[in-house]
PDB file of all heavy atoms in Angstrom:
ATOM      1  N   THR A   1      -0.098  -2.551  -0.050  1.00  0.00           N
ATOM      2  CA  THR A   1      -1.294  -1.648  -0.278  1.00  0.00           C
ATOM      3  C   THR A   1      -2.453  -2.492  -0.760  1.00  0.00           C
ATOM      4  O   THR A   1      -3.599  -2.256  -0.250  1.00  0.00           O
ATOM      5  CB  THR A   1      -0.972  -0.565  -1.265  1.00  0.00           C
ATOM      6  OG1 THR A   1       0.195   0.234  -0.835  1.00  0.00           O
ATOM      7  CG2 THR A   1      -2.096   0.413  -1.503  1.00  0.00           C
ATOM      8  N   ALA A   2      -2.246  -3.357  -1.571  1.00  0.00           N
ATOM      9  CA  ALA A   2      -3.300  -4.206  -2.101  1.00  0.00           C
ATOM     10  C   ALA A   2      -3.898  -5.119  -0.953  1.00  0.00           C
ATOM     11  O   ALA A   2      -5.115  -5.325  -0.989  1.00  0.00           O
ATOM     12  CB  ALA A   2      -2.740  -5.276  -3.165  1.00  0.00           C
ATOM     13  N   LEU A   3      -3.071  -5.549  -0.043  1.00  0.00           N
ATOM     14  CA  LEU A   3      -3.636  -6.263   1.129  1.00  0.00           C
ATOM     15  C   LEU A   3      -4.614  -5.345   1.942  1.00  0.00           C
ATOM     16  O   LEU A   3      -5.698  -5.861   2.277  1.00  0.00           O
ATOM     17  CB  LEU A   3      -2.483  -6.667   2.068  1.00  0.00           C
ATOM     18  CG  LEU A   3      -1.688  -7.909   1.746  1.00  0.00           C
ATOM     19  CD1 LEU A   3      -0.457  -7.956   2.610  1.00  0.00           C
ATOM     20  CD2 LEU A   3      -2.571  -9.168   1.917  1.00  0.00           C
ATOM     21  N   GLN A   4      -4.281  -4.107   2.135  1.00  0.00           N
ATOM     22  CA  GLN A   4      -5.171  -3.205   2.880  1.00  0.00           C
ATOM     23  C   GLN A   4      -6.458  -3.029   1.986  1.00  0.00           C
ATOM     24  O   GLN A   4      -7.610  -2.873   2.477  1.00  0.00           O
ATOM     25  CB  GLN A   4      -4.507  -1.933   3.099  1.00  0.00           C
ATOM     26  CG  GLN A   4      -3.325  -1.971   4.001  1.00  0.00           C
ATOM     27  CD  GLN A   4      -3.624  -2.743   5.220  1.00  0.00           C
ATOM     28  OE1 GLN A   4      -2.963  -3.760   5.541  1.00  0.00           O
ATOM     29  NE2 GLN A   4      -4.473  -2.272   6.059  1.00  0.00           N
ATOM     30  N   HIS A   5      -6.275  -2.719   0.658  1.00  0.00           N
ATOM     31  CA  HIS A   5      -7.448  -2.432  -0.160  1.00  0.00           C
ATOM     32  C   HIS A   5      -8.441  -3.603  -0.269  1.00  0.00           C
ATOM     33  O   HIS A   5      -9.572  -3.475  -0.149  1.00  0.00           O
ATOM     34  CB  HIS A   5      -6.940  -2.128  -1.622  1.00  0.00           C
ATOM     35  CG  HIS A   5      -7.981  -1.914  -2.605  1.00  0.00           C
ATOM     36  ND1 HIS A   5      -8.719  -0.765  -2.594  1.00  0.00           N
ATOM     37  CD2 HIS A   5      -8.519  -2.705  -3.554  1.00  0.00           C
ATOM     38  CE1 HIS A   5      -9.658  -0.887  -3.550  1.00  0.00           C
ATOM     39  NE2 HIS A   5      -9.485  -2.009  -4.127  1.00  0.00           N
ATOM     40  N   HIS A   6      -7.891  -4.810  -0.370  1.00  0.00           N
ATOM     41  CA  HIS A   6      -8.629  -6.008  -0.516  1.00  0.00           C
ATOM     42  C   HIS A   6      -9.388  -6.284   0.760  1.00  0.00           C
ATOM     43  O   HIS A   6     -10.526  -6.731   0.800  1.00  0.00           O
ATOM     44  CB  HIS A   6      -7.767  -7.221  -0.922  1.00  0.00           C
ATOM     45  CG  HIS A   6      -8.575  -8.451  -1.060  1.00  0.00           C
ATOM     46  ND1 HIS A   6      -9.477  -8.719  -1.940  1.00  0.00           N
ATOM     47  CD2 HIS A   6      -8.516  -9.668  -0.344  1.00  0.00           C
ATOM     48  CE1 HIS A   6     -10.126  -9.810  -1.790  1.00  0.00           C
ATOM     49  NE2 HIS A   6      -9.441 -10.507  -0.843  1.00  0.00           N
ATOM     50  N   ALA A   7      -8.779  -6.052   1.940  1.00  0.00           N
ATOM     51  CA  ALA A   7      -9.384  -6.327   3.173  1.00  0.00           C
ATOM     52  C   ALA A   7     -10.499  -5.324   3.480  1.00  0.00           C
ATOM     53  O   ALA A   7     -11.302  -5.567   4.413  1.00  0.00           O
ATOM     54  CB  ALA A   7      -8.372  -6.250   4.310  1.00  0.00           C
ATOM     55  N   GLY A   8     -10.601  -4.306   2.613  1.00  0.00           N
ATOM     56  CA  GLY A   8     -11.619  -3.205   2.877  1.00  0.00           C
ATOM     57  C   GLY A   8     -10.980  -2.024   3.573  1.00  0.00           C
ATOM     58  O   GLY A   8     -10.117  -2.256   4.480  1.00  0.00           O
ATOM     59  N   PRO A   9     -11.220  -0.925   3.126  1.00  0.00           N
ATOM     60  CA  PRO A   9     -10.517   0.256   3.779  1.00  0.00           C
ATOM     61  C   PRO A   9     -10.862   0.412   5.169  1.00  0.00           C
ATOM     62  O   PRO A   9     -11.938   0.477   5.611  1.00  0.00           O
ATOM     63  CB  PRO A   9     -11.107   1.375   2.849  1.00  0.00           C
ATOM     64  CG  PRO A   9     -12.184   0.971   2.064  1.00  0.00           C
ATOM     65  CD  PRO A   9     -12.143  -0.466   2.175  1.00  0.00           C
ATOM     66  N   ASP A  10      -9.757   0.464   5.980  1.00  0.00           N
ATOM     67  CA  ASP A  10      -9.878   0.735   7.394  1.00  0.00           C
ATOM     68  C   ASP A  10      -9.294   2.085   7.691  1.00  0.00           C
ATOM     69  O   ASP A  10      -8.138   2.353   7.542  1.00  0.00           O
ATOM     70  CB  ASP A  10      -9.036  -0.369   8.092  1.00  0.00           C
ATOM     71  CG  ASP A  10      -9.079  -0.210   9.614  1.00  0.00           C
ATOM     72  OD1 ASP A  10      -9.584   0.831  10.125  1.00  0.00           O
ATOM     73  OD2 ASP A  10      -8.641  -1.114  10.336  1.00  0.00           O
ATOM     74  N   PRO A  11     -10.126   3.074   8.083  1.00  0.00           N
ATOM     75  CA  PRO A  11      -9.600   4.446   8.220  1.00  0.00           C
ATOM     76  C   PRO A  11      -8.535   4.545   9.300  1.00  0.00           C
ATOM     77  O   PRO A  11      -7.691   5.380   9.245  1.00  0.00           O
ATOM     78  CB  PRO A  11     -10.848   5.195   8.820  1.00  0.00           C
ATOM     79  CG  PRO A  11     -11.998   4.278   8.746  1.00  0.00           C
ATOM     80  CD  PRO A  11     -11.513   2.956   8.348  1.00  0.00           C
ATOM     81  N   ALA A  12      -8.418   3.533  10.133  1.00  0.00           N
ATOM     82  CA  ALA A  12      -7.403   3.600  11.215  1.00  0.00           C
ATOM     83  C   ALA A  12      -5.977   3.071  10.605  1.00  0.00           C
ATOM     84  O   ALA A  12      -4.956   3.320  11.124  1.00  0.00           O
ATOM     85  CB  ALA A  12      -7.728   2.724  12.429  1.00  0.00           C
ATOM     86  N   TRP A  13      -6.021   2.381   9.504  1.00  0.00           N
ATOM     87  CA  TRP A  13      -4.906   1.811   8.877  1.00  0.00           C
ATOM     88  C   TRP A  13      -4.765   2.086   7.303  1.00  0.00           C
ATOM     89  O   TRP A  13      -4.622   1.107   6.568  1.00  0.00           O
ATOM     90  CB  TRP A  13      -4.799   0.298   9.189  1.00  0.00           C
ATOM     91  CG  TRP A  13      -4.661  -0.073  10.634  1.00  0.00           C
ATOM     92  CD1 TRP A  13      -5.575  -0.467  11.512  1.00  0.00           C
ATOM     93  CD2 TRP A  13      -3.460   0.056  11.416  1.00  0.00           C
ATOM     94  NE1 TRP A  13      -5.050  -0.619  12.717  1.00  0.00           N
ATOM     95  CE2 TRP A  13      -3.816  -0.379  12.683  1.00  0.00           C
ATOM     96  CE3 TRP A  13      -2.198   0.394  11.149  1.00  0.00           C
ATOM     97  CZ2 TRP A  13      -2.872  -0.379  13.765  1.00  0.00           C
ATOM     98  CZ3 TRP A  13      -1.219   0.362  12.095  1.00  0.00           C
ATOM     99  CH2 TRP A  13      -1.620   0.040  13.468  1.00  0.00           C
ATOM    100  N   PRO A  14      -4.809   3.272   6.896  1.00  0.00           N
ATOM    101  CA  PRO A  14      -4.795   3.470   5.461  1.00  0.00           C
ATOM    102  C   PRO A  14      -3.341   3.209   5.057  1.00  0.00           C
ATOM    103  O   PRO A  14      -2.437   3.760   5.502  1.00  0.00           O
ATOM    104  CB  PRO A  14      -5.121   4.928   5.306  1.00  0.00           C
ATOM    105  CG  PRO A  14      -4.813   5.633   6.602  1.00  0.00           C
ATOM    106  CD  PRO A  14      -4.945   4.494   7.746  1.00  0.00           C
ATOM    107  N   ALA A  15      -3.242   2.476   3.913  1.00  0.00           N
ATOM    108  CA  ALA A  15      -1.877   2.209   3.418  1.00  0.00           C
ATOM    109  C   ALA A  15      -1.483   3.310   2.380  1.00  0.00           C
ATOM    110  O   ALA A  15      -2.358   3.943   1.766  1.00  0.00           O
ATOM    111  CB  ALA A  15      -1.911   0.868   2.681  1.00  0.00           C
ATOM    112  N   HIS A  16      -0.248   3.598   2.218  1.00  0.00           N
ATOM    113  CA  HIS A  16       0.196   4.491   1.243  1.00  0.00           C
ATOM    114  C   HIS A  16      -0.180   4.125  -0.106  1.00  0.00           C
ATOM    115  O   HIS A  16      -0.061   2.922  -0.485  1.00  0.00           O
ATOM    116  CB  HIS A  16       1.782   4.685   1.236  1.00  0.00           C
ATOM    117  CG  HIS A  16       2.362   5.125   2.514  1.00  0.00           C
ATOM    118  ND1 HIS A  16       1.858   6.131   3.300  1.00  0.00           N
ATOM    119  CD2 HIS A  16       3.516   4.722   3.067  1.00  0.00           C
ATOM    120  CE1 HIS A  16       2.716   6.435   4.279  1.00  0.00           C
ATOM    121  NE2 HIS A  16       3.661   5.578   4.246  1.00  0.00           N
ATOM    122  N   GLY A  17      -0.766   5.024  -0.928  1.00  0.00           N
ATOM    123  CA  GLY A  17      -1.090   4.767  -2.221  1.00  0.00           C
ATOM    124  C   GLY A  17      -2.388   3.916  -2.532  1.00  0.00           C
ATOM    125  O   GLY A  17      -2.674   3.550  -3.686  1.00  0.00           O
ATOM    126  N   VAL A  18      -3.201   3.703  -1.531  1.00  0.00           N
ATOM    127  CA  VAL A  18      -4.454   2.913  -1.644  1.00  0.00           C
ATOM    128  C   VAL A  18      -5.379   3.632  -2.667  1.00  0.00           C
ATOM    129  O   VAL A  18      -6.123   2.892  -3.511  1.00  0.00           O
ATOM    130  CB  VAL A  18      -5.132   2.760  -0.372  1.00  0.00           C
ATOM    131  CG1 VAL A  18      -5.827   3.928   0.165  1.00  0.00           C
ATOM    132  CG2 VAL A  18      -6.074   1.528  -0.442  1.00  0.00           C
ATOM    133  N   ASP A  19      -5.345   4.987  -2.742  1.00  0.00           N
ATOM    134  CA  ASP A  19      -6.229   5.662  -3.762  1.00  0.00           C
ATOM    135  C   ASP A  19      -5.818   5.330  -5.147  1.00  0.00           C
ATOM    136  O   ASP A  19      -6.633   5.316  -6.052  1.00  0.00           O
ATOM    137  CB  ASP A  19      -6.178   7.115  -3.471  1.00  0.00           C
ATOM    138  CG  ASP A  19      -4.806   7.740  -3.419  1.00  0.00           C
ATOM    139  OD1 ASP A  19      -3.946   7.089  -2.916  1.00  0.00           O
ATOM    140  OD2 ASP A  19      -4.678   8.952  -3.869  1.00  0.00           O
ATOM    141  N   ARG A  20      -4.464   5.245  -5.422  1.00  0.00           N
ATOM    142  CA  ARG A  20      -4.062   4.878  -6.791  1.00  0.00           C
ATOM    143  C   ARG A  20      -4.055   3.495  -7.060  1.00  0.00           C
ATOM    144  O   ARG A  20      -3.916   3.047  -8.306  1.00  0.00           O
ATOM    145  CB  ARG A  20      -2.570   5.477  -6.944  1.00  0.00           C
ATOM    146  CG  ARG A  20      -2.434   6.960  -6.929  1.00  0.00           C
ATOM    147  CD  ARG A  20      -1.004   7.377  -7.023  1.00  0.00           C
ATOM    148  NE  ARG A  20      -0.590   7.109  -8.263  1.00  0.00           N
ATOM    149  CZ  ARG A  20      -0.034   7.940  -9.271  1.00  0.00           C
ATOM    150  NH1 ARG A  20      -0.204   9.189  -8.888  1.00  0.00           N
ATOM    151  NH2 ARG A  20       0.422   7.597 -10.303  1.00  0.00           N
ATOM    152  N   MET A  21      -4.384   2.595  -6.141  1.00  0.00           N
ATOM    153  CA  MET A  21      -4.294   1.096  -6.329  1.00  0.00           C
ATOM    154  C   MET A  21      -5.647   0.610  -6.852  1.00  0.00           C
ATOM    155  O   MET A  21      -5.674  -0.517  -7.431  1.00  0.00           O
ATOM    156  CB  MET A  21      -4.057   0.437  -5.059  1.00  0.00           C
ATOM    157  CG  MET A  21      -2.612   0.381  -4.745  1.00  0.00           C
ATOM    158  SD  MET A  21      -1.566  -0.665  -5.826  1.00  0.00           S
ATOM    159  CE  MET A  21      -2.414  -2.231  -5.656  1.00  0.00           C
ATOM    160  N   ARG A  22      -6.773   1.285  -6.669  1.00  0.00           N
ATOM    161  CA  ARG A  22      -8.081   0.826  -6.937  1.00  0.00           C
ATOM    162  C   ARG A  22      -8.137   0.190  -8.361  1.00  0.00           C
ATOM    163  O   ARG A  22      -8.687  -0.896  -8.624  1.00  0.00           O
ATOM    164  CB  ARG A  22      -9.117   1.831  -6.743  1.00  0.00           C
ATOM    165  CG  ARG A  22      -9.309   2.184  -5.278  1.00  0.00           C
ATOM    166  CD  ARG A  22     -10.553   3.183  -5.065  1.00  0.00           C
ATOM    167  NE  ARG A  22     -10.616   3.466  -3.677  1.00  0.00           N
ATOM    168  CZ  ARG A  22      -9.991   4.515  -3.139  1.00  0.00           C
ATOM    169  NH1 ARG A  22      -9.314   5.339  -3.855  1.00  0.00           N
ATOM    170  NH2 ARG A  22     -10.135   4.725  -1.829  1.00  0.00           N
ATOM    171  N   ARG A  23      -7.579   0.971  -9.392  1.00  0.00           N
ATOM    172  CA  ARG A  23      -7.767   0.468 -10.695  1.00  0.00           C
ATOM    173  C   ARG A  23      -6.961  -0.723 -11.068  1.00  0.00           C
ATOM    174  O   ARG A  23      -7.063  -1.422 -12.111  1.00  0.00           O
ATOM    175  CB  ARG A  23      -7.244   1.560 -11.660  1.00  0.00           C
ATOM    176  CG  ARG A  23      -5.861   1.909 -11.558  1.00  0.00           C
ATOM    177  CD  ARG A  23      -5.437   3.051 -12.557  1.00  0.00           C
ATOM    178  NE  ARG A  23      -4.081   3.413 -12.390  1.00  0.00           N
ATOM    179  CZ  ARG A  23      -3.711   4.638 -12.002  1.00  0.00           C
ATOM    180  NH1 ARG A  23      -4.531   5.599 -11.872  1.00  0.00           N
ATOM    181  NH2 ARG A  23      -2.467   4.880 -11.800  1.00  0.00           N
ATOM    182  N   PHE A  24      -6.021  -1.151 -10.167  1.00  0.00           N
ATOM    183  CA  PHE A  24      -5.238  -2.445 -10.393  1.00  0.00           C
ATOM    184  C   PHE A  24      -5.811  -3.633  -9.706  1.00  0.00           C
ATOM    185  O   PHE A  24      -5.350  -4.736  -9.706  1.00  0.00           O
ATOM    186  CB  PHE A  24      -3.824  -2.171  -9.951  1.00  0.00           C
ATOM    187  CG  PHE A  24      -3.116  -1.028 -10.605  1.00  0.00           C
ATOM    188  CD1 PHE A  24      -2.777   0.068  -9.817  1.00  0.00           C
ATOM    189  CD2 PHE A  24      -2.841  -1.101 -11.965  1.00  0.00           C
ATOM    190  CE1 PHE A  24      -2.132   1.157 -10.489  1.00  0.00           C
ATOM    191  CE2 PHE A  24      -2.271   0.052 -12.616  1.00  0.00           C
ATOM    192  CZ  PHE A  24      -1.925   1.120 -11.883  1.00  0.00           C
ATOM    193  N   CYS A  25      -6.866  -3.436  -8.926  1.00  0.00           N
ATOM    194  CA  CYS A  25      -7.511  -4.389  -8.047  1.00  0.00           C
ATOM    195  C   CYS A  25      -8.969  -4.587  -8.429  1.00  0.00           C
ATOM    196  O   CYS A  25      -9.918  -4.282  -7.735  1.00  0.00           O
ATOM    197  CB  CYS A  25      -7.477  -4.005  -6.512  1.00  0.00           C
ATOM    198  SG  CYS A  25      -5.772  -3.886  -5.863  1.00  0.00           S
TER     199      CYS A  25
END
């Protein structure tokens, strides 16, 4: 999930839990 979050949100490839990950990144 952090890999997806760090790369920038891609609406075509949202990772599970990306919304809850923001505070840890």
